[in-house]
Amino acid sequence: MTIDDDAPRDSATAQPTQRVPQPGAAPGRPAPERAQTSDDPVPPRSAQSPAKTVTLPDMPRAFWVCAAGIAATFIGLLGTWATVFIVSVSGLDTDDGKILAVLAAIAAFALFRHTASGSKRSLNAVIALGVVCSLWSIAKIIDLNGEDAVVSIGWGLYLDVLAGATFAGAAVVLRKRT
């Protein structure tokens, strides 16, 4: 124990209070972090939740490519699918676009499910949904090309074709690595 002249004084005895140095602390330096004991009011993080934690930065590159493909599908749905004269139609304005949005949302859920559980079945669903999204968009392009010469296909529909193929392909790579 050390007595510090500048230390606060005990109000009852007017004596300087005594400080007990913490084990492992050097003079003039703070004590190192101590391990949590059972007397501490907050349990350690691992004891707070039985759920498995997922660290996203530790995910492989194929995961991020797959997630970007799903995000690109939603961007394509917001973009122009077709233009007739001066009127543009986005993907979400059509029934086909709404179905594609549901498929992409299910794919996003399946990818999240894979990160939480490591399930290959979830990746198989992502692959199948990516193929379906891509083929659905191709079918829509073919359908719009057969309409009239005045219908111009927009960038959003082409993006949806590429995005579906991208997240399906990335899920194939991810499945082989896990």
C-alpha atoms as a PDB file:
ATOM      1  CA  MET A   1       0.000   0.000   0.000  1.00  0.00           C
ATOM      2  CA  THR A   2       1.142   3.517  -0.695  1.00  0.00           C
ATOM      3  CA  ILE A   3       0.105   6.792   0.822  1.00  0.00           C
ATOM      4  CA  ASP A   4      -0.278   9.669  -1.585  1.00  0.00           C
ATOM      5  CA  ASP A   5       0.007  13.227  -0.208  1.00  0.00           C
ATOM      6  CA  ASP A   6      -2.243  14.544  -2.970  1.00  0.00           C
ATOM      7  CA  ALA A   7      -4.802  11.807  -2.420  1.00  0.00           C
ATOM      8  CA  PRO A   8      -8.232  12.650  -1.070  1.00  0.00           C
ATOM      9  CA  ARG A   9      -8.539  12.557   2.690  1.00  0.00           C
ATOM     10  CA  ASP A  10     -10.881  10.351   4.664  1.00  0.00           C
ATOM     11  CA  SER A  11     -13.602  12.615   6.078  1.00  0.00           C
ATOM     12  CA  ALA A  12     -13.766  10.829   9.458  1.00  0.00           C
ATOM     13  CA  THR A  13     -10.051  10.725  10.318  1.00  0.00           C
ATOM     14  CA  ALA A  14      -8.581  13.402   8.016  1.00  0.00           C
ATOM     15  CA  GLN A  15      -5.967  10.837   7.109  1.00  0.00           C
ATOM     16  CA  PRO A  16      -4.985  10.327   3.463  1.00  0.00           C
ATOM     17  CA  THR A  17      -6.820   7.437   1.873  1.00  0.00           C
ATOM     18  CA  GLN A  18      -4.733   4.466   0.964  1.00  0.00           C
ATOM     19  CA  ARG A  19      -4.693   3.037  -2.531  1.00  0.00           C
ATOM     20  CA  VAL A  20      -4.057  -0.608  -3.078  1.00  0.00           C
ATOM     21  CA  PRO A  21      -2.208  -1.151  -6.355  1.00  0.00           C
ATOM     22  CA  GLN A  22      -3.857  -3.627  -8.691  1.00  0.00           C
ATOM     23  CA  PRO A  23      -1.860  -6.756  -9.450  1.00  0.00           C
ATOM     24  CA  GLY A  24       0.148  -6.387 -12.641  1.00  0.00           C
ATOM     25  CA  ALA A  25      -0.056  -2.584 -12.662  1.00  0.00           C
ATOM     26  CA  ALA A  26       3.161  -0.656 -13.036  1.00  0.00           C
ATOM     27  CA  PRO A  27       3.547   2.599 -11.090  1.00  0.00           C
ATOM     28  CA  GLY A  28       1.867   5.426 -12.986  1.00  0.00           C
ATOM     29  CA  ARG A  29       0.133   3.101 -15.455  1.00  0.00           C
ATOM     30  CA  PRO A  30      -3.401   1.761 -15.462  1.00  0.00           C
ATOM     31  CA  ALA A  31      -3.986  -1.826 -14.510  1.00  0.00           C
ATOM     32  CA  PRO A  32      -4.429  -4.303 -17.354  1.00  0.00           C
ATOM     33  CA  GLU A  33      -7.926  -5.481 -18.199  1.00  0.00           C
ATOM     34  CA  ARG A  34      -9.055  -8.166 -15.829  1.00  0.00           C
ATOM     35  CA  ALA A  35     -10.995 -11.269 -16.659  1.00  0.00           C
ATOM     36  CA  GLN A  36     -14.679 -11.212 -15.898  1.00  0.00           C
ATOM     37  CA  THR A  37     -15.700 -13.081 -12.752  1.00  0.00           C
ATOM     38  CA  SER A  38     -18.968 -14.545 -11.583  1.00  0.00           C
ATOM     39  CA  ASP A  39     -19.466 -11.511  -9.291  1.00  0.00           C
ATOM     40  CA  ASP A  40     -19.721  -9.134 -12.259  1.00  0.00           C
ATOM     41  CA  PRO A  41     -23.273  -7.929 -12.985  1.00  0.00           C
ATOM     42  CA  VAL A  42     -23.125  -8.480 -16.773  1.00  0.00           C
ATOM     43  CA  PRO A  43     -22.371 -11.978 -18.031  1.00  0.00           C
ATOM     44  CA  PRO A  44     -19.860 -12.391 -20.862  1.00  0.00           C
ATOM     45  CA  ARG A  45     -21.211 -11.908 -24.411  1.00  0.00           C
ATOM     46  CA  SER A  46     -21.063 -15.629 -25.168  1.00  0.00           C
ATOM     47  CA  ALA A  47     -23.397 -16.355 -22.245  1.00  0.00           C
ATOM     48  CA  GLN A  48     -25.940 -13.685 -23.197  1.00  0.00           C
ATOM     49  CA  SER A  49     -27.330 -15.342 -26.296  1.00  0.00           C
ATOM     50  CA  PRO A  50     -27.400 -18.950 -27.422  1.00  0.00           C
ATOM     51  CA  ALA A  51     -27.592 -17.785 -31.079  1.00  0.00           C
ATOM     52  CA  LYS A  52     -24.605 -18.348 -33.302  1.00  0.00           C
ATOM     53  CA  THR A  53     -22.836 -15.120 -34.205  1.00  0.00           C
ATOM     54  CA  VAL A  54     -21.797 -14.499 -37.780  1.00  0.00           C
ATOM     55  CA  THR A  55     -18.944 -12.161 -38.567  1.00  0.00           C
ATOM     56  CA  LEU A  56     -19.658 -10.741 -41.992  1.00  0.00           C
ATOM     57  CA  PRO A  57     -16.120  -9.558 -42.819  1.00  0.00           C
ATOM     58  CA  ASP A  58     -14.973 -13.180 -42.501  1.00  0.00           C
ATOM     59  CA  MET A  59     -17.260 -14.324 -45.314  1.00  0.00           C
ATOM     60  CA  PRO A  60     -15.611 -15.467 -48.556  1.00  0.00           C
ATOM     61  CA  ARG A  61     -15.587 -13.275 -51.639  1.00  0.00           C
ATOM     62  CA  ALA A  62     -18.182 -15.495 -53.360  1.00  0.00           C
ATOM     63  CA  PHE A  63     -20.645 -14.589 -50.593  1.00  0.00           C
ATOM     64  CA  TRP A  64     -20.188 -10.883 -51.275  1.00  0.00           C
ATOM     65  CA  VAL A  65     -20.541 -11.384 -55.042  1.00  0.00           C
ATOM     66  CA  CYS A  66     -23.743 -13.341 -54.431  1.00  0.00           C
ATOM     67  CA  ALA A  67     -25.109 -10.629 -52.122  1.00  0.00           C
ATOM     68  CA  ALA A  68     -24.187  -7.950 -54.674  1.00  0.00           C
ATOM     69  CA  GLY A  69     -26.015  -9.905 -57.390  1.00  0.00           C
ATOM     70  CA  ILE A  70     -29.155 -10.031 -55.267  1.00  0.00           C
ATOM     71  CA  ALA A  71     -28.859  -6.298 -54.560  1.00  0.00           C
ATOM     72  CA  ALA A  72     -28.367  -5.638 -58.285  1.00  0.00           C
ATOM     73  CA  THR A  73     -31.597  -7.530 -58.959  1.00  0.00           C
ATOM     74  CA  PHE A  74     -33.477  -5.072 -56.756  1.00  0.00           C
ATOM     75  CA  ILE A  75     -31.738  -2.144 -58.469  1.00  0.00           C
ATOM     76  CA  GLY A  76     -32.780  -3.550 -61.843  1.00  0.00           C
ATOM     77  CA  LEU A  77     -36.354  -3.771 -60.607  1.00  0.00           C
ATOM     78  CA  LEU A  78     -36.272  -0.073 -59.781  1.00  0.00           C
ATOM     79  CA  GLY A  79     -34.800   0.750 -63.181  1.00  0.00           C
ATOM     80  CA  THR A  80     -36.488   1.063 -66.551  1.00  0.00           C
ATOM     81  CA  TRP A  81     -37.733  -2.211 -68.021  1.00  0.00           C
ATOM     82  CA  ALA A  82     -39.402  -0.823 -71.113  1.00  0.00           C
ATOM     83  CA  THR A  83     -40.090   2.474 -72.817  1.00  0.00           C
ATOM     84  CA  VAL A  84     -42.934   3.179 -75.225  1.00  0.00           C
ATOM     85  CA  PHE A  85     -42.512   6.572 -76.889  1.00  0.00           C
ATOM     86  CA  ILE A  86     -41.890   8.732 -73.807  1.00  0.00           C
ATOM     87  CA  VAL A  87     -43.523   6.517 -71.153  1.00  0.00           C
ATOM     88  CA  SER A  88     -41.175   4.353 -69.062  1.00  0.00           C
ATOM     89  CA  VAL A  89     -42.160   1.312 -67.036  1.00  0.00           C
ATOM     90  CA  SER A  90     -40.040   0.054 -64.140  1.00  0.00           C
ATOM     91  CA  GLY A  91     -39.900  -3.548 -63.027  1.00  0.00           C
ATOM     92  CA  LEU A  92     -42.013  -2.956 -59.956  1.00  0.00           C
ATOM     93  CA  ASP A  93     -44.784  -1.490 -62.114  1.00  0.00           C
ATOM     94  CA  THR A  94     -45.402  -4.923 -63.659  1.00  0.00           C
ATOM     95  CA  ASP A  95     -46.669  -8.189 -62.208  1.00  0.00           C
ATOM     96  CA  ASP A  96     -43.581  -9.969 -63.557  1.00  0.00           C
ATOM     97  CA  GLY A  97     -41.368  -7.513 -61.711  1.00  0.00           C
ATOM     98  CA  LYS A  98     -43.209  -8.071 -58.450  1.00  0.00           C
ATOM     99  CA  ILE A  99     -42.759 -11.827 -58.829  1.00  0.00           C
ATOM    100  CA  LEU A 100     -39.057 -11.283 -59.526  1.00  0.00           C
ATOM    101  CA  ALA A 101     -38.817  -9.122 -56.386  1.00  0.00           C
ATOM    102  CA  VAL A 102     -40.317 -11.924 -54.294  1.00  0.00           C
ATOM    103  CA  LEU A 103     -37.871 -14.433 -55.805  1.00  0.00           C
ATOM    104  CA  ALA A 104     -34.920 -12.137 -55.067  1.00  0.00           C
ATOM    105  CA  ALA A 105     -36.144 -11.599 -51.492  1.00  0.00           C
ATOM    106  CA  ILE A 106     -36.368 -15.363 -50.978  1.00  0.00           C
ATOM    107  CA  ALA A 107     -32.839 -15.698 -52.390  1.00  0.00           C
ATOM    108  CA  ALA A 108     -31.592 -13.055 -49.941  1.00  0.00           C
ATOM    109  CA  PHE A 109     -33.241 -14.917 -47.071  1.00  0.00           C
ATOM    110  CA  ALA A 110     -31.717 -18.224 -48.229  1.00  0.00           C
ATOM    111  CA  LEU A 111     -28.257 -16.623 -48.432  1.00  0.00           C
ATOM    112  CA  PHE A 112     -28.678 -15.230 -44.910  1.00  0.00           C
ATOM    113  CA  ARG A 113     -29.828 -18.658 -43.794  1.00  0.00           C
ATOM    114  CA  HIS A 114     -26.666 -20.190 -45.241  1.00  0.00           C
ATOM    115  CA  THR A 115     -24.474 -17.725 -43.326  1.00  0.00           C
ATOM    116  CA  ALA A 116     -26.214 -18.622 -40.077  1.00  0.00           C
ATOM    117  CA  SER A 117     -26.304 -22.396 -40.516  1.00  0.00           C
ATOM    118  CA  GLY A 118     -23.847 -23.314 -43.275  1.00  0.00           C
ATOM    119  CA  SER A 119     -26.609 -25.246 -45.016  1.00  0.00           C
ATOM    120  CA  LYS A 120     -25.916 -26.369 -48.577  1.00  0.00           C
ATOM    121  CA  ARG A 121     -29.651 -26.709 -49.100  1.00  0.00           C
ATOM    122  CA  SER A 122     -29.960 -22.940 -48.708  1.00  0.00           C
ATOM    123  CA  LEU A 123     -27.264 -22.435 -51.334  1.00  0.00           C
ATOM    124  CA  ASN A 124     -29.098 -24.798 -53.671  1.00  0.00           C
ATOM    125  CA  ALA A 125     -32.161 -22.587 -53.256  1.00  0.00           C
ATOM    126  CA  VAL A 126     -30.083 -19.478 -54.055  1.00  0.00           C
ATOM    127  CA  ILE A 127     -28.739 -21.172 -57.199  1.00  0.00           C
ATOM    128  CA  ALA A 128     -32.202 -22.225 -58.351  1.00  0.00           C
ATOM    129  CA  LEU A 129     -33.669 -18.794 -57.639  1.00  0.00           C
ATOM    130  CA  GLY A 130     -30.839 -17.075 -59.512  1.00  0.00           C
ATOM    131  CA  VAL A 131     -31.428 -19.250 -62.564  1.00  0.00           C
ATOM    132  CA  VAL A 132     -35.183 -18.639 -62.392  1.00  0.00           C
ATOM    133  CA  CYS A 133     -34.684 -14.851 -62.041  1.00  0.00           C
ATOM    134  CA  SER A 134     -32.342 -14.793 -65.006  1.00  0.00           C
ATOM    135  CA  LEU A 135     -34.591 -16.953 -67.198  1.00  0.00           C
ATOM    136  CA  TRP A 136     -37.677 -14.967 -66.160  1.00  0.00           C
ATOM    137  CA  SER A 137     -35.964 -11.751 -67.248  1.00  0.00           C
ATOM    138  CA  ILE A 138     -34.860 -13.307 -70.558  1.00  0.00           C
ATOM    139  CA  ALA A 139     -38.431 -14.448 -71.184  1.00  0.00           C
ATOM    140  CA  LYS A 140     -39.639 -10.905 -70.493  1.00  0.00           C
ATOM    141  CA  ILE A 141     -37.099  -9.507 -72.995  1.00  0.00           C
ATOM    142  CA  ILE A 142     -38.292 -11.984 -75.635  1.00  0.00           C
ATOM    143  CA  ASP A 143     -41.908 -11.115 -74.844  1.00  0.00           C
ATOM    144  CA  LEU A 144     -41.278  -7.367 -75.163  1.00  0.00           C
ATOM    145  CA  ASN A 145     -39.317  -7.786 -78.407  1.00  0.00           C
ATOM    146  CA  GLY A 146     -42.305  -9.533 -79.950  1.00  0.00           C
ATOM    147  CA  GLU A 147     -44.724  -6.729 -79.038  1.00  0.00           C
ATOM    148  CA  ASP A 148     -44.167  -3.747 -81.324  1.00  0.00           C
ATOM    149  CA  ALA A 149     -41.257  -1.961 -82.841  1.00  0.00           C
ATOM    150  CA  VAL A 150     -42.023   1.035 -80.638  1.00  0.00           C
ATOM    151  CA  VAL A 151     -41.173  -0.816 -77.395  1.00  0.00           C
ATOM    152  CA  SER A 152     -37.606  -0.216 -76.277  1.00  0.00           C
ATOM    153  CA  ILE A 153     -36.159  -2.516 -73.609  1.00  0.00           C
ATOM    154  CA  GLY A 154     -34.634  -0.646 -70.667  1.00  0.00           C
ATOM    155  CA  TRP A 155     -31.422  -1.149 -68.750  1.00  0.00           C
ATOM    156  CA  GLY A 156     -33.178  -2.533 -65.661  1.00  0.00           C
ATOM    157  CA  LEU A 157     -34.304  -5.678 -67.447  1.00  0.00           C
ATOM    158  CA  TYR A 158     -30.807  -6.360 -68.798  1.00  0.00           C
ATOM    159  CA  LEU A 159     -29.386  -5.787 -65.319  1.00  0.00           C
ATOM    160  CA  ASP A 160     -31.829  -8.341 -63.898  1.00  0.00           C
ATOM    161  CA  VAL A 161     -30.633 -10.963 -66.405  1.00  0.00           C
ATOM    162  CA  LEU A 162     -26.996 -10.387 -65.433  1.00  0.00           C
ATOM    163  CA  ALA A 163     -27.745 -10.111 -61.708  1.00  0.00           C
ATOM    164  CA  GLY A 164     -29.636 -13.413 -61.605  1.00  0.00           C
ATOM    165  CA  ALA A 165     -26.807 -15.183 -63.425  1.00  0.00           C
ATOM    166  CA  THR A 166     -24.256 -13.525 -61.136  1.00  0.00           C
ATOM    167  CA  PHE A 167     -25.810 -14.560 -57.855  1.00  0.00           C
ATOM    168  CA  ALA A 168     -26.508 -18.068 -59.140  1.00  0.00           C
ATOM    169  CA  GLY A 169     -22.894 -18.461 -60.296  1.00  0.00           C
ATOM    170  CA  ALA A 170     -21.482 -17.042 -57.073  1.00  0.00           C
ATOM    171  CA  ALA A 171     -23.662 -19.426 -55.061  1.00  0.00           C
ATOM    172  CA  VAL A 172     -22.241 -22.351 -57.078  1.00  0.00           C
ATOM    173  CA  VAL A 173     -18.709 -21.222 -56.182  1.00  0.00           C
ATOM    174  CA  LEU A 174     -19.722 -20.723 -52.553  1.00  0.00           C
ATOM    175  CA  ARG A 175     -21.258 -24.205 -52.404  1.00  0.00           C
ATOM    176  CA  LYS A 176     -18.050 -25.793 -53.697  1.00  0.00           C
ATOM    177  CA  ARG A 177     -15.981 -23.987 -51.068  1.00  0.00           C
ATOM    178  CA  THR A 178     -18.121 -24.998 -48.108  1.00  0.00           C
END
